[in-house]
Amino acid sequence: MIDETRSAYDAVAPLYAELFSDVRRHHPVDRAFVAAFAETVEGPVADVGCGPGHYTAHLRSLGADAFGIDLSPAMVAHARAAHPGIRFEEGTMTALDVPSASVGGVLAWYSTIHADPDDVPAILAEFHRVLAPGGHVLLGFFAGADTPVPFDHKVARAYRWPADHLAALLRDAGFAETARASRRSTPEERPFDLAAILARKS
């Protein structure tokens, strides 16, 4: 699934960047929750699944020392070209090239949706590993159903997650949930509820 997702995003990188790079056009609830996350964290922030780097740059504009990691070489190349003052690296969520306990925050904004549900516990454990004690993770995802359900994402296979299920996996990985938000989709978005969970490394 990793290779499939990498290839899919490599193929659409220019179009994806054109459509989504302007964070000012994103929903105000999303921007507000990311801003609250930026105010909460202390130390470097890893934007995992950063795509073309739009939220990495947004975090920088909010005062966070953010850097980006993405599976897709084409996305990383675009991010580096668009934001030359920010560090971007290729990497996978299950094996981050980041020292243990070295970052104050991990942002996974609609990036874990492409992971096989069986891999999500290992991904959350990896986030826990790289976070310093008291560090925070912010997950953005499509919500719904009682179990993870696949849907047609157009780019690569993705899953909707029940928020309580994902929160339980965060607890199992050693996190304490500190905030949760959800909203209805707009007419321009997929017809699913959207959600986010903020959690602190215990």
N, C-alpha and C. Protein backbone atom coordinates (compact mmCIF):
# COMPACT_ATOMS: atom_id res chain seq x y z
N MET A 1 0.83 -1.21 0.00
CA MET A 1 0.00 0.00 0.00
C MET A 1 0.86 1.26 0.00
N ILE A 2 2.05 1.18 0.63
CA ILE A 2 2.94 2.34 0.66
C ILE A 2 3.39 2.70 -0.74
N ASP A 3 3.80 1.68 -1.52
CA ASP A 3 4.27 1.95 -2.89
C ASP A 3 3.14 2.52 -3.75
N GLU A 4 1.94 2.00 -3.57
CA GLU A 4 0.79 2.49 -4.33
C GLU A 4 0.51 3.95 -4.01
N THR A 5 0.55 4.29 -2.73
CA THR A 5 0.29 5.68 -2.32
C THR A 5 1.38 6.61 -2.82
N ARG A 6 2.64 6.17 -2.71
CA ARG A 6 3.76 6.99 -3.19
C ARG A 6 3.60 7.29 -4.68
N SER A 7 3.35 6.25 -5.48
CA SER A 7 3.23 6.43 -6.92
C SER A 7 2.04 7.31 -7.28
N ALA A 8 0.94 7.14 -6.56
CA ALA A 8 -0.26 7.92 -6.85
C ALA A 8 -0.02 9.41 -6.60
N TYR A 9 0.64 9.73 -5.50
CA TYR A 9 0.88 11.14 -5.20
C TYR A 9 1.99 11.73 -6.07
N ASP A 10 2.94 10.91 -6.47
CA ASP A 10 3.94 11.39 -7.43
C ASP A 10 3.25 11.84 -8.72
N ALA A 11 2.25 11.08 -9.14
CA ALA A 11 1.58 11.35 -10.41
C ALA A 11 0.74 12.63 -10.38
N VAL A 12 0.22 12.98 -9.20
CA VAL A 12 -0.69 14.13 -9.14
C VAL A 12 -0.09 15.33 -8.42
N ALA A 13 1.19 15.28 -8.09
CA ALA A 13 1.79 16.32 -7.26
C ALA A 13 1.54 17.74 -7.78
N PRO A 14 1.78 18.04 -9.06
CA PRO A 14 1.56 19.43 -9.51
C PRO A 14 0.12 19.88 -9.36
N LEU A 15 -0.84 19.02 -9.74
CA LEU A 15 -2.25 19.38 -9.64
C LEU A 15 -2.67 19.52 -8.18
N TYR A 16 -2.22 18.60 -7.34
CA TYR A 16 -2.56 18.65 -5.91
C TYR A 16 -2.08 19.95 -5.30
N ALA A 17 -0.84 20.31 -5.61
CA ALA A 17 -0.28 21.55 -5.07
C ALA A 17 -1.07 22.76 -5.53
N GLU A 18 -1.47 22.75 -6.79
CA GLU A 18 -2.25 23.88 -7.32
C GLU A 18 -3.60 24.01 -6.61
N LEU A 19 -4.22 22.89 -6.30
CA LEU A 19 -5.56 22.91 -5.71
C LEU A 19 -5.58 23.23 -4.22
N PHE A 20 -4.54 22.78 -3.49
CA PHE A 20 -4.64 22.81 -2.04
C PHE A 20 -3.59 23.64 -1.32
N SER A 21 -2.65 24.23 -2.02
CA SER A 21 -1.52 24.87 -1.35
C SER A 21 -1.87 26.16 -0.62
N ASP A 22 -2.97 26.81 -0.98
CA ASP A 22 -3.32 28.07 -0.32
C ASP A 22 -4.15 27.78 0.93
N VAL A 23 -3.50 27.76 2.08
CA VAL A 23 -4.17 27.42 3.34
C VAL A 23 -5.27 28.43 3.66
N ARG A 24 -5.15 29.65 3.15
CA ARG A 24 -6.16 30.67 3.42
C ARG A 24 -7.53 30.27 2.88
N ARG A 25 -7.55 29.35 1.91
CA ARG A 25 -8.80 28.89 1.33
C ARG A 25 -9.37 27.69 2.06
N HIS A 26 -8.65 27.17 3.04
CA HIS A 26 -9.12 26.02 3.79
C HIS A 26 -10.15 26.45 4.83
N HIS A 27 -10.92 25.49 5.31
CA HIS A 27 -12.02 25.80 6.22
C HIS A 27 -11.49 26.48 7.49
N PRO A 28 -12.16 27.54 7.97
CA PRO A 28 -11.66 28.25 9.16
C PRO A 28 -11.57 27.38 10.41
N VAL A 29 -12.43 26.38 10.54
CA VAL A 29 -12.34 25.48 11.70
C VAL A 29 -11.03 24.70 11.65
N ASP A 30 -10.64 24.24 10.46
CA ASP A 30 -9.38 23.52 10.31
C ASP A 30 -8.20 24.41 10.66
N ARG A 31 -8.21 25.62 10.13
CA ARG A 31 -7.11 26.55 10.40
C ARG A 31 -7.03 26.89 11.88
N ALA A 32 -8.17 27.03 12.52
CA ALA A 32 -8.18 27.38 13.94
C ALA A 32 -7.61 26.26 14.80
N PHE A 33 -7.93 25.01 14.45
CA PHE A 33 -7.42 23.90 15.25
C PHE A 33 -5.92 23.74 15.06
N VAL A 34 -5.45 23.92 13.84
CA VAL A 34 -4.00 23.86 13.59
C VAL A 34 -3.30 25.00 14.31
N ALA A 35 -3.92 26.17 14.33
CA ALA A 35 -3.33 27.31 15.05
C ALA A 35 -3.25 27.04 16.54
N ALA A 36 -4.29 26.42 17.10
CA ALA A 36 -4.27 26.07 18.52
C ALA A 36 -3.17 25.06 18.82
N PHE A 37 -2.98 24.12 17.91
CA PHE A 37 -1.89 23.15 18.04
C PHE A 37 -0.54 23.86 18.04
N ALA A 38 -0.36 24.81 17.11
CA ALA A 38 0.91 25.53 17.01
C ALA A 38 1.21 26.30 18.29
N GLU A 39 0.17 26.83 18.93
CA GLU A 39 0.37 27.57 20.17
C GLU A 39 0.71 26.64 21.33
N THR A 40 0.30 25.38 21.22
CA THR A 40 0.48 24.42 22.31
C THR A 40 1.88 23.83 22.34
N VAL A 41 2.46 23.59 21.17
CA VAL A 41 3.71 22.84 21.11
C VAL A 41 4.91 23.71 21.48
N GLU A 42 5.90 23.05 22.04
CA GLU A 42 7.19 23.66 22.33
C GLU A 42 8.27 22.81 21.67
N GLY A 43 9.09 23.45 20.84
CA GLY A 43 10.13 22.71 20.14
C GLY A 43 9.74 22.43 18.71
N PRO A 44 10.59 21.71 17.98
CA PRO A 44 10.34 21.44 16.56
C PRO A 44 9.04 20.67 16.34
N VAL A 45 8.46 20.88 15.16
CA VAL A 45 7.22 20.20 14.78
C VAL A 45 7.46 19.44 13.48
N ALA A 46 7.15 18.15 13.49
CA ALA A 46 7.24 17.33 12.28
C ALA A 46 5.87 17.28 11.62
N ASP A 47 5.79 17.80 10.40
CA ASP A 47 4.56 17.72 9.61
C ASP A 47 4.67 16.44 8.77
N VAL A 48 4.05 15.38 9.25
CA VAL A 48 4.23 14.05 8.66
C VAL A 48 3.14 13.81 7.62
N GLY A 49 3.57 13.57 6.39
CA GLY A 49 2.63 13.53 5.28
C GLY A 49 2.34 14.93 4.81
N CYS A 50 3.40 15.71 4.67
CA CYS A 50 3.29 17.16 4.45
C CYS A 50 2.83 17.53 3.05
N GLY A 51 2.87 16.58 2.10
CA GLY A 51 2.48 16.92 0.74
C GLY A 51 3.33 18.05 0.18
N PRO A 52 2.72 19.05 -0.45
CA PRO A 52 3.49 20.15 -1.03
C PRO A 52 3.97 21.19 -0.03
N GLY A 53 3.83 20.89 1.26
CA GLY A 53 4.41 21.76 2.29
C GLY A 53 3.56 22.92 2.72
N HIS A 54 2.28 22.93 2.35
CA HIS A 54 1.45 24.11 2.65
C HIS A 54 1.21 24.28 4.14
N TYR A 55 0.95 23.18 4.86
CA TYR A 55 0.74 23.33 6.29
C TYR A 55 2.06 23.46 7.05
N THR A 56 3.13 22.92 6.50
CA THR A 56 4.45 23.14 7.11
C THR A 56 4.76 24.63 7.11
N ALA A 57 4.55 25.27 5.97
CA ALA A 57 4.78 26.71 5.87
C ALA A 57 3.81 27.49 6.74
N HIS A 58 2.57 27.02 6.82
CA HIS A 58 1.58 27.69 7.66
C HIS A 58 2.00 27.63 9.12
N LEU A 59 2.48 26.47 9.56
CA LEU A 59 2.97 26.35 10.94
C LEU A 59 4.13 27.32 11.19
N ARG A 60 5.02 27.45 10.21
CA ARG A 60 6.12 28.41 10.34
C ARG A 60 5.59 29.83 10.51
N SER A 61 4.55 30.16 9.74
CA SER A 61 3.99 31.51 9.83
C SER A 61 3.34 31.76 11.18
N LEU A 62 2.98 30.67 11.88
CA LEU A 62 2.39 30.78 13.21
C LEU A 62 3.44 30.74 14.31
N GLY A 63 4.70 30.66 13.92
CA GLY A 63 5.78 30.69 14.90
C GLY A 63 6.36 29.35 15.28
N ALA A 64 5.87 28.27 14.69
CA ALA A 64 6.38 26.94 15.01
C ALA A 64 7.61 26.62 14.17
N ASP A 65 8.55 25.90 14.75
CA ASP A 65 9.76 25.47 14.05
C ASP A 65 9.46 24.16 13.33
N ALA A 66 8.75 24.27 12.20
CA ALA A 66 8.22 23.09 11.52
C ALA A 66 9.12 22.64 10.38
N PHE A 67 9.13 21.32 10.17
CA PHE A 67 9.77 20.73 9.01
C PHE A 67 8.83 19.64 8.48
N GLY A 68 9.01 19.26 7.20
CA GLY A 68 8.06 18.35 6.58
C GLY A 68 8.67 17.02 6.18
N ILE A 69 7.85 15.99 6.23
CA ILE A 69 8.23 14.64 5.80
C ILE A 69 7.10 14.11 4.93
N ASP A 70 7.45 13.54 3.78
CA ASP A 70 6.42 12.96 2.92
C ASP A 70 6.94 11.73 2.20
N LEU A 71 6.02 10.83 1.90
CA LEU A 71 6.34 9.59 1.21
C LEU A 71 6.71 9.82 -0.25
N SER A 72 6.12 10.86 -0.86
CA SER A 72 6.24 11.09 -2.30
C SER A 72 7.43 11.98 -2.64
N PRO A 73 8.39 11.48 -3.42
CA PRO A 73 9.50 12.33 -3.85
C PRO A 73 9.05 13.56 -4.63
N ALA A 74 8.00 13.41 -5.44
CA ALA A 74 7.52 14.56 -6.21
C ALA A 74 6.92 15.62 -5.31
N MET A 75 6.21 15.21 -4.28
CA MET A 75 5.67 16.17 -3.32
C MET A 75 6.79 16.88 -2.57
N VAL A 76 7.80 16.13 -2.16
CA VAL A 76 8.93 16.73 -1.45
C VAL A 76 9.65 17.73 -2.35
N ALA A 77 9.84 17.37 -3.62
CA ALA A 77 10.50 18.28 -4.56
C ALA A 77 9.69 19.57 -4.72
N HIS A 78 8.39 19.44 -4.82
CA HIS A 78 7.55 20.64 -4.93
C HIS A 78 7.64 21.48 -3.67
N ALA A 79 7.59 20.83 -2.51
CA ALA A 79 7.66 21.57 -1.24
C ALA A 79 8.97 22.33 -1.12
N ARG A 80 10.06 21.70 -1.50
CA ARG A 80 11.37 22.35 -1.42
C ARG A 80 11.44 23.55 -2.35
N ALA A 81 10.85 23.42 -3.55
CA ALA A 81 10.87 24.53 -4.50
C ALA A 81 9.97 25.68 -4.05
N ALA A 82 8.83 25.33 -3.47
CA ALA A 82 7.87 26.36 -3.05
C ALA A 82 8.27 27.05 -1.76
N HIS A 83 9.00 26.32 -0.90
CA HIS A 83 9.36 26.85 0.43
C HIS A 83 10.84 26.57 0.70
N PRO A 84 11.73 27.28 0.01
CA PRO A 84 13.16 26.96 0.09
C PRO A 84 13.79 27.15 1.46
N GLY A 85 13.16 27.87 2.34
CA GLY A 85 13.73 28.08 3.67
C GLY A 85 13.34 27.03 4.69
N ILE A 86 12.59 26.02 4.26
CA ILE A 86 12.09 25.00 5.18
C ILE A 86 12.67 23.64 4.79
N ARG A 87 12.95 22.82 5.79
CA ARG A 87 13.51 21.49 5.55
C ARG A 87 12.39 20.50 5.23
N PHE A 88 12.56 19.78 4.13
CA PHE A 88 11.63 18.72 3.74
C PHE A 88 12.42 17.45 3.43
N GLU A 89 11.90 16.32 3.86
CA GLU A 89 12.58 15.05 3.69
C GLU A 89 11.59 13.99 3.23
N GLU A 90 12.11 12.98 2.52
CA GLU A 90 11.30 11.81 2.20
C GLU A 90 11.32 10.86 3.40
N GLY A 91 10.19 10.20 3.63
CA GLY A 91 10.13 9.25 4.73
C GLY A 91 8.77 8.61 4.85
N THR A 92 8.70 7.55 5.63
CA THR A 92 7.45 6.85 5.88
C THR A 92 7.05 7.01 7.34
N MET A 93 5.76 6.95 7.59
CA MET A 93 5.26 7.16 8.95
C MET A 93 5.64 6.05 9.91
N THR A 94 5.89 4.87 9.38
CA THR A 94 6.23 3.75 10.26
C THR A 94 7.71 3.71 10.62
N ALA A 95 8.53 4.51 9.95
CA ALA A 95 9.97 4.51 10.24
C ALA A 95 10.52 5.91 9.98
N LEU A 96 10.19 6.84 10.84
CA LEU A 96 10.62 8.23 10.68
C LEU A 96 12.11 8.36 10.98
N ASP A 97 12.80 9.09 10.12
CA ASP A 97 14.23 9.35 10.34
C ASP A 97 14.36 10.57 11.24
N VAL A 98 13.84 10.41 12.45
CA VAL A 98 13.81 11.48 13.45
C VAL A 98 14.25 10.88 14.77
N PRO A 99 15.20 11.51 15.48
CA PRO A 99 15.64 10.95 16.76
C PRO A 99 14.51 10.85 17.78
N SER A 100 14.63 9.91 18.66
CA SER A 100 13.63 9.73 19.71
C SER A 100 13.56 10.96 20.61
N ALA A 101 12.36 11.30 21.04
CA ALA A 101 12.11 12.39 21.99
C ALA A 101 12.72 13.71 21.54
N SER A 102 12.68 13.99 20.23
CA SER A 102 13.36 15.17 19.70
C SER A 102 12.44 16.27 19.19
N VAL A 103 11.13 16.02 19.10
CA VAL A 103 10.22 17.04 18.58
C VAL A 103 9.13 17.33 19.61
N GLY A 104 8.62 18.55 19.53
CA GLY A 104 7.56 18.95 20.45
C GLY A 104 6.18 18.68 19.91
N GLY A 105 6.08 18.48 18.59
CA GLY A 105 4.77 18.23 17.99
C GLY A 105 4.87 17.41 16.73
N VAL A 106 3.83 16.65 16.46
CA VAL A 106 3.67 15.92 15.21
C VAL A 106 2.30 16.29 14.63
N LEU A 107 2.31 16.81 13.42
CA LEU A 107 1.07 17.08 12.70
C LEU A 107 0.89 16.01 11.64
N ALA A 108 -0.23 15.30 11.69
CA ALA A 108 -0.58 14.32 10.65
C ALA A 108 -1.96 14.72 10.13
N TRP A 109 -1.97 15.71 9.25
CA TRP A 109 -3.21 16.33 8.81
C TRP A 109 -3.73 15.60 7.58
N TYR A 110 -4.65 14.67 7.79
CA TYR A 110 -5.22 13.86 6.73
C TYR A 110 -4.17 13.03 6.00
N SER A 111 -3.13 12.63 6.70
CA SER A 111 -2.11 11.77 6.09
C SER A 111 -2.22 10.32 6.55
N THR A 112 -2.65 10.09 7.79
CA THR A 112 -2.81 8.70 8.24
C THR A 112 -4.02 8.03 7.58
N ILE A 113 -4.86 8.78 6.89
CA ILE A 113 -6.03 8.18 6.24
C ILE A 113 -5.63 7.15 5.19
N HIS A 114 -4.42 7.27 4.65
CA HIS A 114 -3.99 6.34 3.61
C HIS A 114 -3.32 5.09 4.16
N ALA A 115 -3.14 5.02 5.46
CA ALA A 115 -2.49 3.85 6.06
C ALA A 115 -3.49 2.71 6.20
N ASP A 116 -3.00 1.50 6.00
CA ASP A 116 -3.82 0.33 6.30
C ASP A 116 -4.18 0.38 7.79
N PRO A 117 -5.43 0.14 8.14
CA PRO A 117 -5.80 0.21 9.56
C PRO A 117 -4.93 -0.64 10.47
N ASP A 118 -4.45 -1.77 9.97
CA ASP A 118 -3.58 -2.63 10.79
C ASP A 118 -2.24 -1.97 11.09
N ASP A 119 -1.85 -0.98 10.28
CA ASP A 119 -0.56 -0.31 10.48
C ASP A 119 -0.66 0.91 11.39
N VAL A 120 -1.87 1.38 11.66
CA VAL A 120 -2.03 2.62 12.42
C VAL A 120 -1.46 2.53 13.83
N PRO A 121 -1.64 1.42 14.58
CA PRO A 121 -1.00 1.36 15.90
C PRO A 121 0.51 1.56 15.85
N ALA A 122 1.17 0.99 14.84
CA ALA A 122 2.62 1.16 14.71
C ALA A 122 2.97 2.60 14.36
N ILE A 123 2.14 3.24 13.56
CA ILE A 123 2.37 4.64 13.20
C ILE A 123 2.25 5.53 14.43
N LEU A 124 1.23 5.30 15.23
CA LEU A 124 1.06 6.10 16.45
C LEU A 124 2.19 5.85 17.43
N ALA A 125 2.67 4.62 17.49
CA ALA A 125 3.82 4.32 18.34
C ALA A 125 5.06 5.06 17.86
N GLU A 126 5.21 5.19 16.55
CA GLU A 126 6.34 5.93 16.00
C GLU A 126 6.22 7.42 16.31
N PHE A 127 5.02 7.96 16.24
CA PHE A 127 4.82 9.35 16.64
C PHE A 127 5.19 9.53 18.11
N HIS A 128 4.78 8.59 18.93
CA HIS A 128 5.09 8.65 20.37
C HIS A 128 6.60 8.61 20.59
N ARG A 129 7.29 7.80 19.81
CA ARG A 129 8.75 7.67 19.96
C ARG A 129 9.47 8.99 19.70
N VAL A 130 9.09 9.69 18.63
CA VAL A 130 9.83 10.89 18.25
C VAL A 130 9.47 12.10 19.10
N LEU A 131 8.32 12.05 19.77
CA LEU A 131 7.89 13.18 20.59
C LEU A 131 8.63 13.23 21.93
N ALA A 132 8.98 14.43 22.34
CA ALA A 132 9.52 14.64 23.67
C ALA A 132 8.40 14.46 24.69
N PRO A 133 8.74 14.16 25.94
CA PRO A 133 7.70 14.06 26.97
C PRO A 133 6.84 15.33 27.01
N GLY A 134 5.54 15.15 27.02
CA GLY A 134 4.62 16.28 27.00
C GLY A 134 4.34 16.83 25.62
N GLY A 135 4.98 16.25 24.59
CA GLY A 135 4.73 16.70 23.22
C GLY A 135 3.34 16.33 22.74
N HIS A 136 2.90 16.99 21.67
CA HIS A 136 1.54 16.81 21.18
C HIS A 136 1.50 16.29 19.75
N VAL A 137 0.48 15.49 19.47
CA VAL A 137 0.19 15.05 18.11
C VAL A 137 -1.20 15.55 17.74
N LEU A 138 -1.34 16.01 16.50
CA LEU A 138 -2.64 16.43 15.99
C LEU A 138 -2.95 15.61 14.75
N LEU A 139 -4.05 14.87 14.81
CA LEU A 139 -4.49 14.05 13.68
C LEU A 139 -5.73 14.67 13.06
N GLY A 140 -5.71 14.85 11.75
CA GLY A 140 -6.90 15.24 11.01
C GLY A 140 -7.35 14.06 10.16
N PHE A 141 -8.67 13.82 10.09
CA PHE A 141 -9.14 12.61 9.39
C PHE A 141 -10.61 12.75 9.02
N PHE A 142 -11.04 11.87 8.13
CA PHE A 142 -12.45 11.77 7.78
C PHE A 142 -13.11 10.82 8.77
N ALA A 143 -14.20 11.27 9.38
CA ALA A 143 -14.85 10.49 10.43
C ALA A 143 -16.03 9.70 9.88
N GLY A 144 -16.46 8.72 10.70
CA GLY A 144 -17.66 8.00 10.34
C GLY A 144 -17.59 6.52 10.64
N ALA A 145 -18.76 5.89 10.65
CA ALA A 145 -18.91 4.45 10.81
C ALA A 145 -18.43 3.97 12.18
N ASP A 146 -18.53 2.66 12.38
CA ASP A 146 -18.12 2.07 13.65
C ASP A 146 -16.74 1.42 13.56
N THR A 147 -16.28 1.19 12.36
CA THR A 147 -14.95 0.63 12.11
C THR A 147 -14.34 1.40 10.95
N PRO A 148 -13.02 1.33 10.76
CA PRO A 148 -12.42 2.00 9.61
C PRO A 148 -13.03 1.48 8.29
N VAL A 149 -13.45 2.41 7.45
CA VAL A 149 -14.14 2.06 6.21
C VAL A 149 -13.40 2.70 5.03
N PRO A 150 -13.02 1.91 4.02
CA PRO A 150 -12.34 2.50 2.86
C PRO A 150 -13.30 3.32 2.00
N PHE A 151 -12.76 4.31 1.32
CA PHE A 151 -13.57 5.10 0.39
C PHE A 151 -12.72 5.52 -0.79
N ASP A 152 -13.37 5.96 -1.84
CA ASP A 152 -12.68 6.38 -3.05
C ASP A 152 -12.14 7.79 -2.86
N HIS A 153 -10.85 7.88 -2.61
CA HIS A 153 -10.21 9.16 -2.35
C HIS A 153 -9.81 9.88 -3.63
N LYS A 154 -9.86 9.20 -4.75
CA LYS A 154 -9.45 9.69 -6.07
C LYS A 154 -7.94 9.55 -6.29
N VAL A 155 -7.13 9.82 -5.26
CA VAL A 155 -5.68 9.69 -5.43
C VAL A 155 -5.22 8.29 -5.03
N ALA A 156 -5.52 7.88 -3.82
CA ALA A 156 -5.09 6.57 -3.32
C ALA A 156 -6.10 6.08 -2.30
N ARG A 157 -6.13 4.78 -2.09
CA ARG A 157 -7.07 4.20 -1.12
C ARG A 157 -6.94 4.92 0.22
N ALA A 158 -8.07 5.22 0.81
CA ALA A 158 -8.08 5.92 2.09
C ALA A 158 -9.21 5.36 2.95
N TYR A 159 -9.16 5.72 4.24
CA TYR A 159 -10.12 5.19 5.20
C TYR A 159 -10.75 6.30 6.02
N ARG A 160 -12.05 6.14 6.29
CA ARG A 160 -12.72 6.96 7.29
C ARG A 160 -12.59 6.24 8.63
N TRP A 161 -12.40 7.04 9.69
CA TRP A 161 -12.19 6.46 11.01
C TRP A 161 -13.23 6.95 12.01
N PRO A 162 -13.81 6.05 12.80
CA PRO A 162 -14.62 6.51 13.94
C PRO A 162 -13.71 7.19 14.96
N ALA A 163 -14.08 8.38 15.38
CA ALA A 163 -13.19 9.16 16.26
C ALA A 163 -12.88 8.42 17.55
N ASP A 164 -13.86 7.75 18.13
CA ASP A 164 -13.62 7.04 19.39
C ASP A 164 -12.62 5.90 19.20
N HIS A 165 -12.68 5.25 18.07
CA HIS A 165 -11.73 4.17 17.76
C HIS A 165 -10.31 4.71 17.67
N LEU A 166 -10.14 5.81 16.95
CA LEU A 166 -8.81 6.39 16.81
C LEU A 166 -8.31 6.92 18.16
N ALA A 167 -9.20 7.49 18.95
CA ALA A 167 -8.82 7.97 20.28
C ALA A 167 -8.35 6.82 21.16
N ALA A 168 -9.00 5.66 21.04
CA ALA A 168 -8.59 4.49 21.81
C ALA A 168 -7.21 4.01 21.40
N LEU A 169 -6.92 4.04 20.11
CA LEU A 169 -5.59 3.65 19.64
C LEU A 169 -4.53 4.63 20.14
N LEU A 170 -4.87 5.91 20.20
CA LEU A 170 -3.95 6.89 20.76
C LEU A 170 -3.66 6.59 22.23
N ARG A 171 -4.68 6.25 22.98
CA ARG A 171 -4.47 5.89 24.39
C ARG A 171 -3.58 4.66 24.51
N ASP A 172 -3.82 3.68 23.67
CA ASP A 172 -3.01 2.47 23.70
C ASP A 172 -1.55 2.76 23.37
N ALA A 173 -1.32 3.80 22.56
CA ALA A 173 0.05 4.16 22.17
C ALA A 173 0.74 5.05 23.20
N GLY A 174 0.02 5.43 24.26
CA GLY A 174 0.64 6.23 25.31
C GLY A 174 0.31 7.70 25.27
N PHE A 175 -0.81 8.05 24.63
CA PHE A 175 -1.23 9.45 24.54
C PHE A 175 -2.47 9.70 25.40
N ALA A 176 -2.61 10.93 25.84
CA ALA A 176 -3.81 11.38 26.53
C ALA A 176 -4.50 12.42 25.66
N GLU A 177 -5.73 12.16 25.28
CA GLU A 177 -6.48 13.11 24.45
C GLU A 177 -6.73 14.40 25.21
N THR A 178 -6.47 15.53 24.56
CA THR A 178 -6.68 16.83 25.20
C THR A 178 -7.76 17.66 24.53
N ALA A 179 -8.06 17.38 23.26
CA ALA A 179 -9.10 18.13 22.56
C ALA A 179 -9.55 17.35 21.34
N ARG A 180 -10.79 17.63 20.94
CA ARG A 180 -11.35 16.99 19.77
C ARG A 180 -12.28 17.98 19.08
N ALA A 181 -12.31 17.95 17.77
CA ALA A 181 -13.20 18.83 17.01
C ALA A 181 -13.76 18.06 15.82
N SER A 182 -14.93 18.45 15.38
CA SER A 182 -15.51 17.86 14.17
C SER A 182 -16.38 18.90 13.49
N ARG A 183 -16.61 18.69 12.21
CA ARG A 183 -17.46 19.60 11.45
C ARG A 183 -18.08 18.87 10.28
N ARG A 184 -19.15 19.44 9.76
CA ARG A 184 -19.77 18.91 8.56
C ARG A 184 -18.96 19.34 7.34
N SER A 185 -19.03 18.57 6.31
CA SER A 185 -18.34 18.94 5.07
C SER A 185 -19.08 20.07 4.38
N THR A 186 -18.36 20.80 3.57
CA THR A 186 -18.95 21.84 2.73
C THR A 186 -19.36 21.21 1.39
N PRO A 187 -20.15 21.91 0.57
CA PRO A 187 -20.54 21.35 -0.73
C PRO A 187 -19.36 21.01 -1.63
N GLU A 188 -18.22 21.67 -1.42
CA GLU A 188 -17.05 21.43 -2.25
C GLU A 188 -16.23 20.23 -1.77
N GLU A 189 -16.56 19.69 -0.61
CA GLU A 189 -15.78 18.60 -0.03
C GLU A 189 -16.52 17.27 -0.16
N ARG A 190 -15.81 16.20 0.18
CA ARG A 190 -16.46 14.88 0.21
C ARG A 190 -17.58 14.90 1.25
N PRO A 191 -18.63 14.12 1.03
CA PRO A 191 -19.80 14.18 1.93
C PRO A 191 -19.62 13.39 3.22
N PHE A 192 -18.51 13.63 3.90
CA PHE A 192 -18.23 12.97 5.16
C PHE A 192 -17.98 14.02 6.23
N ASP A 193 -18.24 13.67 7.48
CA ASP A 193 -17.80 14.54 8.56
C ASP A 193 -16.28 14.55 8.63
N LEU A 194 -15.73 15.68 9.05
CA LEU A 194 -14.28 15.81 9.20
C LEU A 194 -13.97 16.02 10.67
N ALA A 195 -12.86 15.48 11.12
CA ALA A 195 -12.57 15.51 12.55
C ALA A 195 -11.08 15.67 12.80
N ALA A 196 -10.76 16.04 14.02
CA ALA A 196 -9.37 16.17 14.45
C ALA A 196 -9.28 15.83 15.93
N ILE A 197 -8.18 15.21 16.31
CA ILE A 197 -7.92 14.88 17.70
C ILE A 197 -6.53 15.40 18.07
N LEU A 198 -6.45 16.11 19.17
CA LEU A 198 -5.18 16.57 19.73
C LEU A 198 -4.89 15.72 20.96
N ALA A 199 -3.68 15.18 21.04
CA ALA A 199 -3.33 14.32 22.17
C ALA A 199 -1.90 14.62 22.62
N ARG A 200 -1.67 14.40 23.91
CA ARG A 200 -0.36 14.68 24.51
C ARG A 200 0.34 13.37 24.88
N LYS A 201 1.64 13.34 24.66
CA LYS A 201 2.43 12.17 25.06
C LYS A 201 2.45 12.07 26.58
N SER A 202 1.96 10.96 27.09
CA SER A 202 1.88 10.78 28.54
C SER A 202 3.26 10.54 29.14
